[in-house]
Amino acid sequence: MKRTVTESLNLWKASANRKPLILRGARQVGKTYILKEFGGVAFPRCHYVNFEKDERLGRIFEQDLKPDRILDELQFYLDQPIDRRRDLVIFDEIQRSP
């Protein structure tokens, strides 16, 4: 399914100074679908975590917000390595974690 948001996602990926992406919009319009689809095509690996389905994920952020530590804990949680430079990590329903 081709969408105009795909063009914006490709521009974001190509940016030399890429920052975390926040994709907002109405419920049930395909945000998760398009990110998973994009991640599967544009990145070597795409890691998906859903804060609504597992409330324990929020605990990863309680200690501090250091990206290296958070990614280390996510690797343990997912039981798979995360390449910090090449992989995409999708946080879905992150508003569930204060």
PDB file of N, CA and C in Angstrom:
ATOM      1  N   MET A   1       0.851  -1.166   0.000  1.00  0.00           N
ATOM      2  CA  MET A   1       0.000   0.000   0.000  1.00  0.00           C
ATOM      3  C   MET A   1       0.905   1.239   0.000  1.00  0.00           C
ATOM      4  N   LYS A   2       0.885   1.988  -1.047  1.00  0.00           N
ATOM      5  CA  LYS A   2       1.707   3.187  -1.175  1.00  0.00           C
ATOM      6  C   LYS A   2       0.971   4.359  -0.544  1.00  0.00           C
ATOM      7  N   ARG A   3       1.664   5.085   0.298  1.00  0.00           N
ATOM      8  CA  ARG A   3       1.078   6.251   0.950  1.00  0.00           C
ATOM      9  C   ARG A   3       2.052   7.405   0.857  1.00  0.00           C
ATOM     10  N   THR A   4       1.526   8.610   0.938  1.00  0.00           N
ATOM     11  CA  THR A   4       2.402   9.777   0.878  1.00  0.00           C
ATOM     12  C   THR A   4       3.312   9.857   2.097  1.00  0.00           C
ATOM     13  N   VAL A   5       2.898   9.279   3.208  1.00  0.00           N
ATOM     14  CA  VAL A   5       3.741   9.306   4.401  1.00  0.00           C
ATOM     15  C   VAL A   5       5.031   8.532   4.161  1.00  0.00           C
ATOM     16  N   THR A   6       5.030   7.580   3.247  1.00  0.00           N
ATOM     17  CA  THR A   6       6.235   6.815   2.946  1.00  0.00           C
ATOM     18  C   THR A   6       7.344   7.731   2.439  1.00  0.00           C
ATOM     19  N   GLU A   7       6.995   8.706   1.648  1.00  0.00           N
ATOM     20  CA  GLU A   7       7.992   9.663   1.158  1.00  0.00           C
ATOM     21  C   GLU A   7       8.621  10.425   2.320  1.00  0.00           C
ATOM     22  N   SER A   8       7.809  10.843   3.266  1.00  0.00           N
ATOM     23  CA  SER A   8       8.324  11.552   4.438  1.00  0.00           C
ATOM     24  C   SER A   8       9.209  10.644   5.286  1.00  0.00           C
ATOM     25  N   LEU A   9       8.835   9.393   5.423  1.00  0.00           N
ATOM     26  CA  LEU A   9       9.645   8.448   6.181  1.00  0.00           C
ATOM     27  C   LEU A   9      10.997   8.219   5.508  1.00  0.00           C
ATOM     28  N   ASN A  10      11.010   8.142   4.188  1.00  0.00           N
ATOM     29  CA  ASN A  10      12.274   7.977   3.466  1.00  0.00           C
ATOM     30  C   ASN A  10      13.170   9.200   3.634  1.00  0.00           C
ATOM     31  N   LEU A  11      12.591  10.391   3.624  1.00  0.00           N
ATOM     32  CA  LEU A  11      13.376  11.613   3.863  1.00  0.00           C
ATOM     33  C   LEU A  11      13.953  11.615   5.277  1.00  0.00           C
ATOM     34  N   TRP A  12      13.148  11.202   6.235  1.00  0.00           N
ATOM     35  CA  TRP A  12      13.612  11.114   7.625  1.00  0.00           C
ATOM     36  C   TRP A  12      14.784  10.145   7.726  1.00  0.00           C
ATOM     37  N   LYS A  13      14.661   8.985   7.098  1.00  0.00           N
ATOM     38  CA  LYS A  13      15.729   7.982   7.154  1.00  0.00           C
ATOM     39  C   LYS A  13      17.013   8.504   6.517  1.00  0.00           C
ATOM     40  N   ALA A  14      16.905   9.258   5.440  1.00  0.00           N
ATOM     41  CA  ALA A  14      18.074   9.748   4.709  1.00  0.00           C
ATOM     42  C   ALA A  14      18.753  10.932   5.390  1.00  0.00           C
ATOM     43  N   SER A  15      18.106  11.537   6.357  1.00  0.00           N
ATOM     44  CA  SER A  15      18.651  12.719   7.017  1.00  0.00           C
ATOM     45  C   SER A  15      19.924  12.373   7.793  1.00  0.00           C
ATOM     46  N   ALA A  16      20.969  13.173   7.594  1.00  0.00           N
ATOM     47  CA  ALA A  16      22.236  12.954   8.287  1.00  0.00           C
ATOM     48  C   ALA A  16      22.105  13.202   9.793  1.00  0.00           C
ATOM     49  N   ASN A  17      21.225  14.106  10.181  1.00  0.00           N
ATOM     50  CA  ASN A  17      21.024  14.437  11.596  1.00  0.00           C
ATOM     51  C   ASN A  17      19.682  13.920  12.095  1.00  0.00           C
ATOM     52  N   ARG A  18      19.362  12.696  11.725  1.00  0.00           N
ATOM     53  CA  ARG A  18      18.066  12.102  12.058  1.00  0.00           C
ATOM     54  C   ARG A  18      17.869  12.032  13.573  1.00  0.00           C
ATOM     55  N   LYS A  19      16.702  12.443  13.996  1.00  0.00           N
ATOM     56  CA  LYS A  19      16.307  12.377  15.401  1.00  0.00           C
ATOM     57  C   LYS A  19      15.145  11.398  15.521  1.00  0.00           C
ATOM     58  N   PRO A  20      14.783  11.031  16.751  1.00  0.00           N
ATOM     59  CA  PRO A  20      13.633  10.133  16.908  1.00  0.00           C
ATOM     60  C   PRO A  20      12.401  10.695  16.210  1.00  0.00           C
ATOM     61  N   LEU A  21      11.619   9.813  15.667  1.00  0.00           N
ATOM     62  CA  LEU A  21      10.423  10.178  14.907  1.00  0.00           C
ATOM     63  C   LEU A  21       9.192   9.914  15.763  1.00  0.00           C
ATOM     64  N   ILE A  22       8.299  10.867  15.787  1.00  0.00           N
ATOM     65  CA  ILE A  22       7.008  10.682  16.453  1.00  0.00           C
ATOM     66  C   ILE A  22       5.946  10.753  15.371  1.00  0.00           C
ATOM     67  N   LEU A  23       5.215   9.684  15.229  1.00  0.00           N
ATOM     68  CA  LEU A  23       4.147   9.626  14.232  1.00  0.00           C
ATOM     69  C   LEU A  23       2.822   9.678  14.986  1.00  0.00           C
ATOM     70  N   ARG A  24       2.102  10.787  14.789  1.00  0.00           N
ATOM     71  CA  ARG A  24       0.835  10.978  15.486  1.00  0.00           C
ATOM     72  C   ARG A  24      -0.291  11.048  14.475  1.00  0.00           C
ATOM     73  N   GLY A  25      -1.466  10.692  14.924  1.00  0.00           N
ATOM     74  CA  GLY A  25      -2.631  10.763  14.069  1.00  0.00           C
ATOM     75  C   GLY A  25      -3.818  10.097  14.746  1.00  0.00           C
ATOM     76  N   ALA A  26      -4.928  10.119  14.067  1.00  0.00           N
ATOM     77  CA  ALA A  26      -6.154   9.512  14.596  1.00  0.00           C
ATOM     78  C   ALA A  26      -5.940   8.016  14.817  1.00  0.00           C
ATOM     79  N   ARG A  27      -6.762   7.450  15.664  1.00  0.00           N
ATOM     80  CA  ARG A  27      -6.680   6.007  15.934  1.00  0.00           C
ATOM     81  C   ARG A  27      -7.158   5.218  14.721  1.00  0.00           C
ATOM     82  N   GLN A  28      -6.557   4.042  14.575  1.00  0.00           N
ATOM     83  CA  GLN A  28      -6.999   3.064  13.574  1.00  0.00           C
ATOM     84  C   GLN A  28      -6.899   3.558  12.128  1.00  0.00           C
ATOM     85  N   VAL A  29      -5.837   4.340  11.830  1.00  0.00           N
ATOM     86  CA  VAL A  29      -5.666   4.806  10.447  1.00  0.00           C
ATOM     87  C   VAL A  29      -4.481   4.151   9.749  1.00  0.00           C
ATOM     88  N   GLY A  30      -3.739   3.293  10.468  1.00  0.00           N
ATOM     89  CA  GLY A  30      -2.643   2.560   9.835  1.00  0.00           C
ATOM     90  C   GLY A  30      -1.255   3.024  10.205  1.00  0.00           C
ATOM     91  N   LYS A  31      -1.098   3.757  11.303  1.00  0.00           N
ATOM     92  CA  LYS A  31       0.229   4.234  11.701  1.00  0.00           C
ATOM     93  C   LYS A  31       1.166   3.069  11.991  1.00  0.00           C
ATOM     94  N   THR A  32       0.711   2.124  12.778  1.00  0.00           N
ATOM     95  CA  THR A  32       1.543   0.961  13.102  1.00  0.00           C
ATOM     96  C   THR A  32       1.842   0.155  11.851  1.00  0.00           C
ATOM     97  N   TYR A  33       0.850  -0.058  11.034  1.00  0.00           N
ATOM     98  CA  TYR A  33       1.032  -0.826   9.799  1.00  0.00           C
ATOM     99  C   TYR A  33       2.108  -0.197   8.922  1.00  0.00           C
ATOM    100  N   ILE A  34       2.033   1.106   8.699  1.00  0.00           N
ATOM    101  CA  ILE A  34       2.979   1.758   7.793  1.00  0.00           C
ATOM    102  C   ILE A  34       4.387   1.752   8.381  1.00  0.00           C
ATOM    103  N   LEU A  35       4.524   1.923   9.697  1.00  0.00           N
ATOM    104  CA  LEU A  35       5.853   1.884  10.302  1.00  0.00           C
ATOM    105  C   LEU A  35       6.468   0.495  10.230  1.00  0.00           C
ATOM    106  N   LYS A  36       5.682  -0.531  10.492  1.00  0.00           N
ATOM    107  CA  LYS A  36       6.202  -1.898  10.387  1.00  0.00           C
ATOM    108  C   LYS A  36       6.579  -2.227   8.946  1.00  0.00           C
ATOM    109  N   GLU A  37       5.744  -1.817   8.019  1.00  0.00           N
ATOM    110  CA  GLU A  37       6.015  -2.048   6.593  1.00  0.00           C
ATOM    111  C   GLU A  37       7.286  -1.313   6.173  1.00  0.00           C
ATOM    112  N   PHE A  38       7.392  -0.058   6.533  1.00  0.00           N
ATOM    113  CA  PHE A  38       8.569   0.753   6.223  1.00  0.00           C
ATOM    114  C   PHE A  38       9.815   0.150   6.868  1.00  0.00           C
ATOM    115  N   GLY A  39       9.713  -0.221   8.135  1.00  0.00           N
ATOM    116  CA  GLY A  39      10.854  -0.798   8.846  1.00  0.00           C
ATOM    117  C   GLY A  39      11.340  -2.086   8.224  1.00  0.00           C
ATOM    118  N   GLY A  40      10.418  -2.892   7.745  1.00  0.00           N
ATOM    119  CA  GLY A  40      10.795  -4.152   7.122  1.00  0.00           C
ATOM    120  C   GLY A  40      11.481  -3.990   5.787  1.00  0.00           C
ATOM    121  N   VAL A  41      11.201  -2.889   5.104  1.00  0.00           N
ATOM    122  CA  VAL A  41      11.776  -2.643   3.776  1.00  0.00           C
ATOM    123  C   VAL A  41      13.041  -1.784   3.862  1.00  0.00           C
ATOM    124  N   ALA A  42      13.026  -0.760   4.701  1.00  0.00           N
ATOM    125  CA  ALA A  42      14.080   0.253   4.698  1.00  0.00           C
ATOM    126  C   ALA A  42      15.224  -0.014   5.675  1.00  0.00           C
ATOM    127  N   PHE A  43      15.066  -0.965   6.581  1.00  0.00           N
ATOM    128  CA  PHE A  43      16.086  -1.235   7.593  1.00  0.00           C
ATOM    129  C   PHE A  43      16.422  -2.724   7.614  1.00  0.00           C
ATOM    130  N   PRO A  44      17.664  -3.052   8.003  1.00  0.00           N
ATOM    131  CA  PRO A  44      18.033  -4.471   8.091  1.00  0.00           C
ATOM    132  C   PRO A  44      17.151  -5.249   9.066  1.00  0.00           C
ATOM    133  N   ARG A  45      16.828  -4.610  10.212  1.00  0.00           N
ATOM    134  CA  ARG A  45      15.953  -5.240  11.199  1.00  0.00           C
ATOM    135  C   ARG A  45      15.028  -4.190  11.780  1.00  0.00           C
ATOM    136  N   CYS A  46      13.821  -4.612  12.086  1.00  0.00           N
ATOM    137  CA  CYS A  46      12.825  -3.733  12.684  1.00  0.00           C
ATOM    138  C   CYS A  46      12.346  -4.394  13.970  1.00  0.00           C
ATOM    139  N   HIS A  47      12.487  -3.693  15.080  1.00  0.00           N
ATOM    140  CA  HIS A  47      12.098  -4.213  16.388  1.00  0.00           C
ATOM    141  C   HIS A  47      10.843  -3.469  16.842  1.00  0.00           C
ATOM    142  N   TYR A  48       9.840  -4.216  17.245  1.00  0.00           N
ATOM    143  CA  TYR A  48       8.553  -3.623  17.602  1.00  0.00           C
ATOM    144  C   TYR A  48       8.225  -3.958  19.050  1.00  0.00           C
ATOM    145  N   VAL A  49       7.925  -2.941  19.842  1.00  0.00           N
ATOM    146  CA  VAL A  49       7.470  -3.144  21.213  1.00  0.00           C
ATOM    147  C   VAL A  49       6.195  -2.338  21.435  1.00  0.00           C
ATOM    148  N   ASN A  50       5.249  -2.956  22.106  1.00  0.00           N
ATOM    149  CA  ASN A  50       3.936  -2.350  22.316  1.00  0.00           C
ATOM    150  C   ASN A  50       3.699  -2.189  23.811  1.00  0.00           C
ATOM    151  N   PHE A  51       3.657  -0.945  24.269  1.00  0.00           N
ATOM    152  CA  PHE A  51       3.520  -0.653  25.685  1.00  0.00           C
ATOM    153  C   PHE A  51       2.112  -0.950  26.210  1.00  0.00           C
ATOM    154  N   GLU A  52       1.157  -1.073  25.324  1.00  0.00           N
ATOM    155  CA  GLU A  52      -0.205  -1.418  25.737  1.00  0.00           C
ATOM    156  C   GLU A  52      -0.313  -2.911  26.042  1.00  0.00           C
ATOM    157  N   LYS A  53       0.416  -3.715  25.314  1.00  0.00           N
ATOM    158  CA  LYS A  53       0.325  -5.164  25.483  1.00  0.00           C
ATOM    159  C   LYS A  53       1.185  -5.686  26.619  1.00  0.00           C
ATOM    160  N   ASP A  54       2.211  -4.925  27.014  1.00  0.00           N
ATOM    161  CA  ASP A  54       3.068  -5.372  28.115  1.00  0.00           C
ATOM    162  C   ASP A  54       3.463  -4.165  28.965  1.00  0.00           C
ATOM    163  N   GLU A  55       2.806  -4.015  30.088  1.00  0.00           N
ATOM    164  CA  GLU A  55       3.039  -2.869  30.960  1.00  0.00           C
ATOM    165  C   GLU A  55       4.428  -2.882  31.586  1.00  0.00           C
ATOM    166  N   ARG A  56       5.112  -4.042  31.583  1.00  0.00           N
ATOM    167  CA  ARG A  56       6.460  -4.117  32.152  1.00  0.00           C
ATOM    168  C   ARG A  56       7.457  -3.268  31.365  1.00  0.00           C
ATOM    169  N   LEU A  57       7.160  -2.989  30.113  1.00  0.00           N
ATOM    170  CA  LEU A  57       8.074  -2.201  29.288  1.00  0.00           C
ATOM    171  C   LEU A  57       8.332  -0.824  29.874  1.00  0.00           C
ATOM    172  N   GLY A  58       7.346  -0.256  30.521  1.00  0.00           N
ATOM    173  CA  GLY A  58       7.499   1.069  31.108  1.00  0.00           C
ATOM    174  C   GLY A  58       8.585   1.127  32.161  1.00  0.00           C
ATOM    175  N   ARG A  59       8.846   0.015  32.809  1.00  0.00           N
ATOM    176  CA  ARG A  59       9.872  -0.024  33.856  1.00  0.00           C
ATOM    177  C   ARG A  59      11.269   0.229  33.308  1.00  0.00           C
ATOM    178  N   ILE A  60      11.464  -0.038  32.033  1.00  0.00           N
ATOM    179  CA  ILE A  60      12.778   0.171  31.414  1.00  0.00           C
ATOM    180  C   ILE A  60      13.184   1.641  31.504  1.00  0.00           C
ATOM    181  N   PHE A  61      12.214   2.545  31.544  1.00  0.00           N
ATOM    182  CA  PHE A  61      12.493   3.976  31.530  1.00  0.00           C
ATOM    183  C   PHE A  61      12.528   4.595  32.924  1.00  0.00           C
ATOM    184  N   GLU A  62      12.233   3.831  33.961  1.00  0.00           N
ATOM    185  CA  GLU A  62      12.144   4.389  35.305  1.00  0.00           C
ATOM    186  C   GLU A  62      13.491   4.808  35.878  1.00  0.00           C
ATOM    187  N   GLN A  63      14.533   4.039  35.609  1.00  0.00           N
ATOM    188  CA  GLN A  63      15.852   4.321  36.196  1.00  0.00           C
ATOM    189  C   GLN A  63      16.433   5.627  35.665  1.00  0.00           C
ATOM    190  N   ASP A  64      16.497   5.769  34.365  1.00  0.00           N
ATOM    191  CA  ASP A  64      16.995   6.980  33.720  1.00  0.00           C
ATOM    192  C   ASP A  64      16.611   6.891  32.246  1.00  0.00           C
ATOM    193  N   LEU A  65      16.980   7.904  31.482  1.00  0.00           N
ATOM    194  CA  LEU A  65      16.635   7.924  30.059  1.00  0.00           C
ATOM    195  C   LEU A  65      17.870   7.817  29.174  1.00  0.00           C
ATOM    196  N   LYS A  66      18.869   7.092  29.630  1.00  0.00           N
ATOM    197  CA  LYS A  66      20.098   6.907  28.861  1.00  0.00           C
ATOM    198  C   LYS A  66      19.843   5.895  27.743  1.00  0.00           C
ATOM    199  N   PRO A  67      19.994   6.337  26.488  1.00  0.00           N
ATOM    200  CA  PRO A  67      19.680   5.461  25.349  1.00  0.00           C
ATOM    201  C   PRO A  67      20.440   4.138  25.340  1.00  0.00           C
ATOM    202  N   ASP A  68      21.724   4.146  25.691  1.00  0.00           N
ATOM    203  CA  ASP A  68      22.497   2.900  25.662  1.00  0.00           C
ATOM    204  C   ASP A  68      21.936   1.874  26.646  1.00  0.00           C
ATOM    205  N   ARG A  69      21.610   2.322  27.852  1.00  0.00           N
ATOM    206  CA  ARG A  69      21.054   1.413  28.850  1.00  0.00           C
ATOM    207  C   ARG A  69      19.682   0.904  28.417  1.00  0.00           C
ATOM    208  N   ILE A  70      18.857   1.811  27.892  1.00  0.00           N
ATOM    209  CA  ILE A  70      17.516   1.426  27.443  1.00  0.00           C
ATOM    210  C   ILE A  70      17.609   0.382  26.333  1.00  0.00           C
ATOM    211  N   LEU A  71      18.491   0.608  25.367  1.00  0.00           N
ATOM    212  CA  LEU A  71      18.638  -0.367  24.282  1.00  0.00           C
ATOM    213  C   LEU A  71      19.190  -1.693  24.786  1.00  0.00           C
ATOM    214  N   ASP A  72      20.096  -1.663  25.755  1.00  0.00           N
ATOM    215  CA  ASP A  72      20.590  -2.912  26.342  1.00  0.00           C
ATOM    216  C   ASP A  72      19.446  -3.700  26.976  1.00  0.00           C
ATOM    217  N   GLU A  73      18.592  -3.011  27.712  1.00  0.00           N
ATOM    218  CA  GLU A  73      17.461  -3.693  28.352  1.00  0.00           C
ATOM    219  C   GLU A  73      16.445  -4.184  27.317  1.00  0.00           C
ATOM    220  N   LEU A  74      16.246  -3.410  26.254  1.00  0.00           N
ATOM    221  CA  LEU A  74      15.342  -3.853  25.188  1.00  0.00           C
ATOM    222  C   LEU A  74      15.874  -5.102  24.491  1.00  0.00           C
ATOM    223  N   GLN A  75      17.187  -5.164  24.290  1.00  0.00           N
ATOM    224  CA  GLN A  75      17.769  -6.362  23.686  1.00  0.00           C
ATOM    225  C   GLN A  75      17.498  -7.584  24.558  1.00  0.00           C
ATOM    226  N   PHE A  76      17.637  -7.420  25.848  1.00  0.00           N
ATOM    227  CA  PHE A  76      17.353  -8.515  26.781  1.00  0.00           C
ATOM    228  C   PHE A  76      15.869  -8.884  26.729  1.00  0.00           C
ATOM    229  N   TYR A  77      15.005  -7.876  26.735  1.00  0.00           N
ATOM    230  CA  TYR A  77      13.555  -8.106  26.694  1.00  0.00           C
ATOM    231  C   TYR A  77      13.145  -8.824  25.403  1.00  0.00           C
ATOM    232  N   LEU A  78      13.679  -8.372  24.271  1.00  0.00           N
ATOM    233  CA  LEU A  78      13.316  -8.942  22.975  1.00  0.00           C
ATOM    234  C   LEU A  78      14.067 -10.233  22.659  1.00  0.00           C
ATOM    235  N   ASP A  79      15.126 -10.487  23.407  1.00  0.00           N
ATOM    236  CA  ASP A  79      15.985 -11.650  23.192  1.00  0.00           C
ATOM    237  C   ASP A  79      16.564 -11.654  21.768  1.00  0.00           C
ATOM    238  N   GLN A  80      16.993 -10.465  21.342  1.00  0.00           N
ATOM    239  CA  GLN A  80      17.653 -10.332  20.045  1.00  0.00           C
ATOM    240  C   GLN A  80      18.486  -9.058  20.042  1.00  0.00           C
ATOM    241  N   PRO A  81      19.582  -9.073  19.306  1.00  0.00           N
ATOM    242  CA  PRO A  81      20.440  -7.887  19.273  1.00  0.00           C
ATOM    243  C   PRO A  81      19.793  -6.731  18.511  1.00  0.00           C
ATOM    244  N   ILE A  82      20.146  -5.526  18.907  1.00  0.00           N
ATOM    245  CA  ILE A  82      19.709  -4.310  18.223  1.00  0.00           C
ATOM    246  C   ILE A  82      20.960  -3.576  17.766  1.00  0.00           C
ATOM    247  N   ASP A  83      21.095  -3.396  16.470  1.00  0.00           N
ATOM    248  CA  ASP A  83      22.200  -2.614  15.925  1.00  0.00           C
ATOM    249  C   ASP A  83      21.805  -1.149  16.020  1.00  0.00           C
ATOM    250  N   ARG A  84      22.450  -0.427  16.906  1.00  0.00           N
ATOM    251  CA  ARG A  84      22.079   0.956  17.213  1.00  0.00           C
ATOM    252  C   ARG A  84      22.177   1.897  16.015  1.00  0.00           C
ATOM    253  N   ARG A  85      22.991   1.558  15.050  1.00  0.00           N
ATOM    254  CA  ARG A  85      23.197   2.430  13.888  1.00  0.00           C
ATOM    255  C   ARG A  85      22.345   2.053  12.682  1.00  0.00           C
ATOM    256  N   ARG A  86      21.877   0.806  12.626  1.00  0.00           N
ATOM    257  CA  ARG A  86      21.228   0.347  11.404  1.00  0.00           C
ATOM    258  C   ARG A  86      19.782  -0.100  11.576  1.00  0.00           C
ATOM    259  N   ASP A  87      19.383  -0.493  12.770  1.00  0.00           N
ATOM    260  CA  ASP A  87      18.042  -1.041  12.981  1.00  0.00           C
ATOM    261  C   ASP A  87      17.031   0.052  13.332  1.00  0.00           C
ATOM    262  N   LEU A  88      15.763  -0.288  13.145  1.00  0.00           N
ATOM    263  CA  LEU A  88      14.662   0.585  13.549  1.00  0.00           C
ATOM    264  C   LEU A  88      13.977  -0.027  14.765  1.00  0.00           C
ATOM    265  N   VAL A  89      13.718   0.796  15.765  1.00  0.00           N
ATOM    266  CA  VAL A  89      12.975   0.358  16.952  1.00  0.00           C
ATOM    267  C   VAL A  89      11.683   1.162  16.991  1.00  0.00           C
ATOM    268  N   ILE A  90      10.560   0.462  17.020  1.00  0.00           N
ATOM    269  CA  ILE A  90       9.245   1.103  17.056  1.00  0.00           C
ATOM    270  C   ILE A  90       8.664   0.938  18.457  1.00  0.00           C
ATOM    271  N   PHE A  91       8.338   2.066  19.092  1.00  0.00           N
ATOM    272  CA  PHE A  91       7.637   2.067  20.366  1.00  0.00           C
ATOM    273  C   PHE A  91       6.183   2.399  20.057  1.00  0.00           C
ATOM    274  N   ASP A  92       5.294   1.437  20.230  1.00  0.00           N
ATOM    275  CA  ASP A  92       3.879   1.653  19.960  1.00  0.00           C
ATOM    276  C   ASP A  92       3.127   1.827  21.271  1.00  0.00           C
ATOM    277  N   GLU A  93       2.155   2.716  21.265  1.00  0.00           N
ATOM    278  CA  GLU A  93       1.317   3.003  22.447  1.00  0.00           C
ATOM    279  C   GLU A  93       2.175   3.450  23.625  1.00  0.00           C
ATOM    280  N   ILE A  94       3.197   4.254  23.349  1.00  0.00           N
ATOM    281  CA  ILE A  94       4.131   4.709  24.396  1.00  0.00           C
ATOM    282  C   ILE A  94       3.434   5.592  25.437  1.00  0.00           C
ATOM    283  N   GLN A  95       2.305   6.166  25.084  1.00  0.00           N
ATOM    284  CA  GLN A  95       1.583   7.000  26.054  1.00  0.00           C
ATOM    285  C   GLN A  95       1.120   6.201  27.256  1.00  0.00           C
ATOM    286  N   ARG A  96       1.135   4.883  27.173  1.00  0.00           N
ATOM    287  CA  ARG A  96       0.766   4.022  28.301  1.00  0.00           C
ATOM    288  C   ARG A  96       1.813   4.005  29.395  1.00  0.00           C
ATOM    289  N   SER A  97       2.999   4.527  29.082  1.00  0.00           N
ATOM    290  CA  SER A  97       4.088   4.554  30.048  1.00  0.00           C
ATOM    291  C   SER A  97       4.368   5.999  30.449  1.00  0.00           C
ATOM    292  N   PRO A  98       4.032   6.353  31.690  1.00  0.00           N
ATOM    293  CA  PRO A  98       4.236   7.747  32.118  1.00  0.00           C
ATOM    294  C   PRO A  98       5.709   8.102  32.122  1.00  0.00           C
TER     295      PRO A  98
END
